[in-house]
């Protein structure tokens, strides 16, 4: 339905950062080939220096707890 609205011009644009297949493969990306000017970005909103530090510390703490 979304693809139909984009192809017909009913909707003027689209932007996606979450896909049924992740990471987005060439085959899965073929769905967007006929759509004009799609904006496709990776789903990385939570990938920041701070979040990576917090996750790394959490994992290290879990490993340390299990080794005791």
PDB file of N, CA and C in Angstrom:
ATOM      1  N   UNK A   1       0.810  -1.181   0.000  1.00  0.00           N
ATOM      2  CA  UNK A   1       0.000   0.000   0.000  1.00  0.00           C
ATOM      3  C   UNK A   1       0.871   1.269   0.000  1.00  0.00           C
ATOM      4  N   UNK A   2       1.894   1.284   0.837  1.00  0.00           N
ATOM      5  CA  UNK A   2       2.800   2.433   0.866  1.00  0.00           C
ATOM      6  C   UNK A   2       3.519   2.572  -0.471  1.00  0.00           C
ATOM      7  N   UNK A   3       4.012   1.447  -0.984  1.00  0.00           N
ATOM      8  CA  UNK A   3       4.707   1.488  -2.272  1.00  0.00           C
ATOM      9  C   UNK A   3       3.776   2.010  -3.366  1.00  0.00           C
ATOM     10  N   UNK A   4       2.515   1.596  -3.348  1.00  0.00           N
ATOM     11  CA  UNK A   4       1.554   2.067  -4.347  1.00  0.00           C
ATOM     12  C   UNK A   4       1.352   3.577  -4.247  1.00  0.00           C
ATOM     13  N   UNK A   5       1.243   4.089  -3.017  1.00  0.00           N
ATOM     14  CA  UNK A   5       1.048   5.524  -2.822  1.00  0.00           C
ATOM     15  C   UNK A   5       2.264   6.308  -3.298  1.00  0.00           C
ATOM     16  N   UNK A   6       3.443   5.765  -3.097  1.00  0.00           N
ATOM     17  CA  UNK A   6       4.662   6.435  -3.550  1.00  0.00           C
ATOM     18  C   UNK A   6       4.791   6.381  -5.072  1.00  0.00           C
ATOM     19  N   UNK A   7       4.523   5.219  -5.642  1.00  0.00           N
ATOM     20  CA  UNK A   7       4.649   5.062  -7.093  1.00  0.00           C
ATOM     21  C   UNK A   7       3.624   5.902  -7.859  1.00  0.00           C
ATOM     22  N   UNK A   8       2.442   6.058  -7.277  1.00  0.00           N
ATOM     23  CA  UNK A   8       1.395   6.833  -7.952  1.00  0.00           C
ATOM     24  C   UNK A   8       1.583   8.336  -7.792  1.00  0.00           C
ATOM     25  N   UNK A   9       2.446   8.730  -6.868  1.00  0.00           N
ATOM     26  CA  UNK A   9       2.639  10.154  -6.609  1.00  0.00           C
ATOM     27  C   UNK A   9       1.724  10.696  -5.526  1.00  0.00           C
ATOM     28  N   UNK A  10       0.864   9.832  -4.962  1.00  0.00           N
ATOM     29  CA  UNK A  10      -0.023  10.261  -3.879  1.00  0.00           C
ATOM     30  C   UNK A  10       0.796  10.762  -2.700  1.00  0.00           C
ATOM     31  N   UNK A  11       1.891  10.071  -2.403  1.00  0.00           N
ATOM     32  CA  UNK A  11       2.865  10.530  -1.410  1.00  0.00           C
ATOM     33  C   UNK A  11       4.096  11.013  -2.149  1.00  0.00           C
ATOM     34  N   UNK A  12       4.662  12.100  -1.692  1.00  0.00           N
ATOM     35  CA  UNK A  12       5.789  12.705  -2.393  1.00  0.00           C
ATOM     36  C   UNK A  12       7.143  12.188  -1.972  1.00  0.00           C
ATOM     37  N   UNK A  13       7.228  11.429  -0.896  1.00  0.00           N
ATOM     38  CA  UNK A  13       8.537  10.954  -0.459  1.00  0.00           C
ATOM     39  C   UNK A  13       8.413   9.947   0.661  1.00  0.00           C
ATOM     40  N   UNK A  14       9.547   9.373   1.011  1.00  0.00           N
ATOM     41  CA  UNK A  14       9.581   8.382   2.077  1.00  0.00           C
ATOM     42  C   UNK A  14      10.966   8.351   2.697  1.00  0.00           C
ATOM     43  N   UNK A  15      11.006   7.922   3.936  1.00  0.00           N
ATOM     44  CA  UNK A  15      12.280   7.721   4.632  1.00  0.00           C
ATOM     45  C   UNK A  15      12.117   6.502   5.533  1.00  0.00           C
ATOM     46  N   UNK A  16      13.055   5.593   5.441  1.00  0.00           N
ATOM     47  CA  UNK A  16      13.000   4.356   6.222  1.00  0.00           C
ATOM     48  C   UNK A  16      14.315   4.147   6.957  1.00  0.00           C
ATOM     49  N   UNK A  17      14.217   3.683   8.207  1.00  0.00           N
ATOM     50  CA  UNK A  17      15.427   3.269   8.911  1.00  0.00           C
ATOM     51  C   UNK A  17      15.240   1.906   9.570  1.00  0.00           C
ATOM     52  N   UNK A  18      14.092   1.280   9.355  1.00  0.00           N
ATOM     53  CA  UNK A  18      13.841  -0.071   9.854  1.00  0.00           C
ATOM     54  C   UNK A  18      13.294  -0.869   8.678  1.00  0.00           C
ATOM     55  N   UNK A  19      13.846  -2.053   8.493  1.00  0.00           N
ATOM     56  CA  UNK A  19      13.473  -2.883   7.353  1.00  0.00           C
ATOM     57  C   UNK A  19      13.135  -4.290   7.823  1.00  0.00           C
ATOM     58  N   UNK A  20      12.329  -4.982   7.044  1.00  0.00           N
ATOM     59  CA  UNK A  20      11.986  -6.366   7.374  1.00  0.00           C
ATOM     60  C   UNK A  20      13.240  -7.226   7.411  1.00  0.00           C
ATOM     61  N   UNK A  21      14.170  -6.981   6.498  1.00  0.00           N
ATOM     62  CA  UNK A  21      15.441  -7.706   6.461  1.00  0.00           C
ATOM     63  C   UNK A  21      16.537  -6.750   6.920  1.00  0.00           C
ATOM     64  N   UNK A  22      17.186  -7.067   8.023  1.00  0.00           N
ATOM     65  CA  UNK A  22      18.285  -6.226   8.516  1.00  0.00           C
ATOM     66  C   UNK A  22      19.482  -7.109   8.821  1.00  0.00           C
ATOM     67  N   UNK A  23      20.677  -6.693   8.423  1.00  0.00           N
ATOM     68  CA  UNK A  23      20.916  -5.487   7.652  1.00  0.00           C
ATOM     69  C   UNK A  23      20.295  -5.613   6.261  1.00  0.00           C
ATOM     70  N   UNK A  24      19.994  -4.475   5.684  1.00  0.00           N
ATOM     71  CA  UNK A  24      19.330  -4.438   4.382  1.00  0.00           C
ATOM     72  C   UNK A  24      20.235  -5.062   3.326  1.00  0.00           C
ATOM     73  N   UNK A  25      19.740  -6.096   2.677  1.00  0.00           N
ATOM     74  CA  UNK A  25      20.504  -6.776   1.636  1.00  0.00           C
ATOM     75  C   UNK A  25      20.193  -6.152   0.279  1.00  0.00           C
ATOM     76  N   UNK A  26      21.005  -6.453  -0.701  1.00  0.00           N
ATOM     77  CA  UNK A  26      20.761  -5.952  -2.053  1.00  0.00           C
ATOM     78  C   UNK A  26      19.402  -6.448  -2.548  1.00  0.00           C
ATOM     79  N   UNK A  27      19.096  -7.706  -2.286  1.00  0.00           N
ATOM     80  CA  UNK A  27      17.812  -8.258  -2.717  1.00  0.00           C
ATOM     81  C   UNK A  27      16.634  -7.555  -2.073  1.00  0.00           C
ATOM     82  N   UNK A  28      16.721  -7.307  -0.773  1.00  0.00           N
ATOM     83  CA  UNK A  28      15.635  -6.615  -0.072  1.00  0.00           C
ATOM     84  C   UNK A  28      15.521  -5.165  -0.535  1.00  0.00           C
ATOM     85  N   UNK A  29      16.633  -4.547  -0.879  1.00  0.00           N
ATOM     86  CA  UNK A  29      16.630  -3.151  -1.328  1.00  0.00           C
ATOM     87  C   UNK A  29      15.995  -3.001  -2.700  1.00  0.00           C
ATOM     88  N   UNK A  30      15.890  -4.094  -3.458  1.00  0.00           N
ATOM     89  CA  UNK A  30      15.280  -4.041  -4.785  1.00  0.00           C
ATOM     90  C   UNK A  30      13.832  -3.539  -4.717  1.00  0.00           C
ATOM     91  N   UNK A  31      13.186  -3.729  -3.563  1.00  0.00           N
ATOM     92  CA  UNK A  31      11.811  -3.253  -3.396  1.00  0.00           C
ATOM     93  C   UNK A  31      11.700  -1.744  -3.589  1.00  0.00           C
ATOM     94  N   UNK A  32      12.793  -1.038  -3.377  1.00  0.00           N
ATOM     95  CA  UNK A  32      12.775   0.423  -3.434  1.00  0.00           C
ATOM     96  C   UNK A  32      13.250   0.974  -4.778  1.00  0.00           C
ATOM     97  N   UNK A  33      13.628   0.115  -5.700  1.00  0.00           N
ATOM     98  CA  UNK A  33      14.213   0.571  -6.966  1.00  0.00           C
ATOM     99  C   UNK A  33      13.282   1.442  -7.797  1.00  0.00           C
ATOM    100  N   UNK A  34      12.001   1.173  -7.786  1.00  0.00           N
ATOM    101  CA  UNK A  34      11.075   1.940  -8.618  1.00  0.00           C
ATOM    102  C   UNK A  34      10.560   3.198  -7.920  1.00  0.00           C
ATOM    103  N   UNK A  35      10.845   3.340  -6.639  1.00  0.00           N
ATOM    104  CA  UNK A  35      10.376   4.500  -5.884  1.00  0.00           C
ATOM    105  C   UNK A  35      11.368   5.640  -6.075  1.00  0.00           C
ATOM    106  N   UNK A  36      10.863   6.812  -6.419  1.00  0.00           N
ATOM    107  CA  UNK A  36      11.729   7.964  -6.664  1.00  0.00           C
ATOM    108  C   UNK A  36      12.222   8.544  -5.343  1.00  0.00           C
ATOM    109  N   UNK A  37      13.509   8.788  -5.277  1.00  0.00           N
ATOM    110  CA  UNK A  37      14.143   9.487  -4.165  1.00  0.00           C
ATOM    111  C   UNK A  37      13.864   8.917  -2.781  1.00  0.00           C
ATOM    112  N   UNK A  38      13.983   7.610  -2.585  1.00  0.00           N
ATOM    113  CA  UNK A  38      13.798   7.110  -1.225  1.00  0.00           C
ATOM    114  C   UNK A  38      14.996   7.511  -0.362  1.00  0.00           C
ATOM    115  N   UNK A  39      14.746   7.689   0.904  1.00  0.00           N
ATOM    116  CA  UNK A  39      15.825   7.922   1.863  1.00  0.00           C
ATOM    117  C   UNK A  39      15.897   6.667   2.725  1.00  0.00           C
ATOM    118  N   UNK A  40      16.981   5.935   2.604  1.00  0.00           N
ATOM    119  CA  UNK A  40      17.181   4.693   3.351  1.00  0.00           C
ATOM    120  C   UNK A  40      18.396   4.877   4.244  1.00  0.00           C
ATOM    121  N   UNK A  41      18.196   4.729   5.540  1.00  0.00           N
ATOM    122  CA  UNK A  41      19.305   4.870   6.473  1.00  0.00           C
ATOM    123  C   UNK A  41      19.362   3.643   7.377  1.00  0.00           C
ATOM    124  N   UNK A  42      20.526   3.320   7.911  1.00  0.00           N
ATOM    125  CA  UNK A  42      20.612   2.178   8.822  1.00  0.00           C
ATOM    126  C   UNK A  42      19.935   2.502  10.153  1.00  0.00           C
ATOM    127  N   UNK A  43      19.504   1.472  10.837  1.00  0.00           N
ATOM    128  CA  UNK A  43      18.821   1.624  12.130  1.00  0.00           C
ATOM    129  C   UNK A  43      19.886   1.725  13.227  1.00  0.00           C
ATOM    130  N   UNK A  44      20.461   2.921  13.366  1.00  0.00           N
ATOM    131  CA  UNK A  44      21.573   3.090  14.301  1.00  0.00           C
ATOM    132  C   UNK A  44      21.368   4.258  15.265  1.00  0.00           C
ATOM    133  N   UNK A  45      20.122   4.617  15.517  1.00  0.00           N
ATOM    134  CA  UNK A  45      19.850   5.776  16.367  1.00  0.00           C
ATOM    135  C   UNK A  45      20.495   5.636  17.750  1.00  0.00           C
ATOM    136  N   UNK A  46      20.575   4.420  18.258  1.00  0.00           N
ATOM    137  CA  UNK A  46      21.146   4.219  19.590  1.00  0.00           C
ATOM    138  C   UNK A  46      22.638   3.991  19.597  1.00  0.00           C
ATOM    139  N   UNK A  47      23.274   4.062  18.455  1.00  0.00           N
ATOM    140  CA  UNK A  47      24.712   3.801  18.383  1.00  0.00           C
ATOM    141  C   UNK A  47      25.459   5.126  18.542  1.00  0.00           C
ATOM    142  N   UNK A  48      25.759   5.426  19.779  1.00  0.00           N
ATOM    143  CA  UNK A  48      26.527   6.624  20.100  1.00  0.00           C
ATOM    144  C   UNK A  48      27.702   6.221  20.965  1.00  0.00           C
ATOM    145  N   UNK A  49      28.628   7.109  21.162  1.00  0.00           N
ATOM    146  CA  UNK A  49      29.769   6.816  22.019  1.00  0.00           C
ATOM    147  C   UNK A  49      29.302   6.479  23.438  1.00  0.00           C
ATOM    148  N   UNK A  50      28.336   7.247  23.944  1.00  0.00           N
ATOM    149  CA  UNK A  50      27.834   6.995  25.300  1.00  0.00           C
ATOM    150  C   UNK A  50      27.136   5.649  25.409  1.00  0.00           C
ATOM    151  N   UNK A  51      26.274   5.332  24.441  1.00  0.00           N
ATOM    152  CA  UNK A  51      25.561   4.059  24.522  1.00  0.00           C
ATOM    153  C   UNK A  51      26.522   2.881  24.373  1.00  0.00           C
ATOM    154  N   UNK A  52      27.522   3.002  23.519  1.00  0.00           N
ATOM    155  CA  UNK A  52      28.514   1.932  23.382  1.00  0.00           C
ATOM    156  C   UNK A  52      29.284   1.743  24.677  1.00  0.00           C
ATOM    157  N   UNK A  53      29.620   2.828  25.357  1.00  0.00           N
ATOM    158  CA  UNK A  53      30.330   2.735  26.642  1.00  0.00           C
ATOM    159  C   UNK A  53      29.458   2.052  27.686  1.00  0.00           C
ATOM    160  N   UNK A  54      28.176   2.436  27.763  1.00  0.00           N
ATOM    161  CA  UNK A  54      27.272   1.832  28.748  1.00  0.00           C
ATOM    162  C   UNK A  54      27.091   0.343  28.484  1.00  0.00           C
ATOM    163  N   UNK A  55      26.895  -0.021  27.226  1.00  0.00           N
ATOM    164  CA  UNK A  55      26.704  -1.447  26.893  1.00  0.00           C
ATOM    165  C   UNK A  55      27.978  -2.234  27.183  1.00  0.00           C
ATOM    166  N   UNK A  56      29.119  -1.678  26.859  1.00  0.00           N
ATOM    167  CA  UNK A  56      30.389  -2.364  27.127  1.00  0.00           C
ATOM    168  C   UNK A  56      30.583  -2.583  28.617  1.00  0.00           C
ATOM    169  N   UNK A  57      30.274  -1.573  29.425  1.00  0.00           N
ATOM    170  CA  UNK A  57      30.407  -1.709  30.883  1.00  0.00           C
ATOM    171  C   UNK A  57      29.431  -2.739  31.414  1.00  0.00           C
ATOM    172  N   UNK A  58      28.195  -2.725  30.915  1.00  0.00           N
ATOM    173  CA  UNK A  58      27.193  -3.678  31.356  1.00  0.00           C
ATOM    174  C   UNK A  58      27.644  -5.111  31.054  1.00  0.00           C
ATOM    175  N   UNK A  59      28.180  -5.332  29.862  1.00  0.00           N
ATOM    176  CA  UNK A  59      28.646  -6.673  29.491  1.00  0.00           C
ATOM    177  C   UNK A  59      29.823  -7.093  30.366  1.00  0.00           C
ATOM    178  N   UNK A  60      30.767  -6.185  30.576  1.00  0.00           N
ATOM    179  CA  UNK A  60      31.922  -6.496  31.429  1.00  0.00           C
ATOM    180  C   UNK A  60      31.462  -6.823  32.843  1.00  0.00           C
ATOM    181  N   UNK A  61      30.501  -6.078  33.381  1.00  0.00           N
ATOM    182  CA  UNK A  61      29.979  -6.352  34.722  1.00  0.00           C
ATOM    183  C   UNK A  61      29.306  -7.710  34.790  1.00  0.00           C
ATOM    184  N   UNK A  62      28.531  -8.062  33.766  1.00  0.00           N
ATOM    185  CA  UNK A  62      27.877  -9.367  33.739  1.00  0.00           C
ATOM    186  C   UNK A  62      28.894 -10.503  33.690  1.00  0.00           C
ATOM    187  N   UNK A  63      29.913 -10.347  32.875  1.00  0.00           N
ATOM    188  CA  UNK A  63      30.964 -11.376  32.785  1.00  0.00           C
ATOM    189  C   UNK A  63      31.665 -11.507  34.128  1.00  0.00           C
ATOM    190  N   UNK A  64      32.005 -10.393  34.740  1.00  0.00           N
ATOM    191  CA  UNK A  64      32.690 -10.414  36.031  1.00  0.00           C
ATOM    192  C   UNK A  64      31.811 -11.079  37.097  1.00  0.00           C
ATOM    193  N   UNK A  65      30.528 -10.754  37.132  1.00  0.00           N
ATOM    194  CA  UNK A  65      29.600 -11.353  38.109  1.00  0.00           C
ATOM    195  C   UNK A  65      29.520 -12.856  37.950  1.00  0.00           C
ATOM    196  N   UNK A  66      29.531 -13.331  36.717  1.00  0.00           N
ATOM    197  CA  UNK A  66      29.406 -14.782  36.470  1.00  0.00           C
ATOM    198  C   UNK A  66      30.706 -15.530  36.782  1.00  0.00           C
ATOM    199  N   UNK A  67      31.816 -14.810  36.806  1.00  0.00           N
ATOM    200  CA  UNK A  67      33.091 -15.464  37.090  1.00  0.00           C
ATOM    201  C   UNK A  67      33.348 -15.569  38.595  1.00  0.00           C
ATOM    202  N   UNK A  68      32.563 -14.895  39.385  1.00  0.00           N
ATOM    203  CA  UNK A  68      32.769 -14.912  40.850  1.00  0.00           C
ATOM    204  C   UNK A  68      32.052 -16.056  41.498  1.00  0.00           C
TER     205      UNK A  68
END
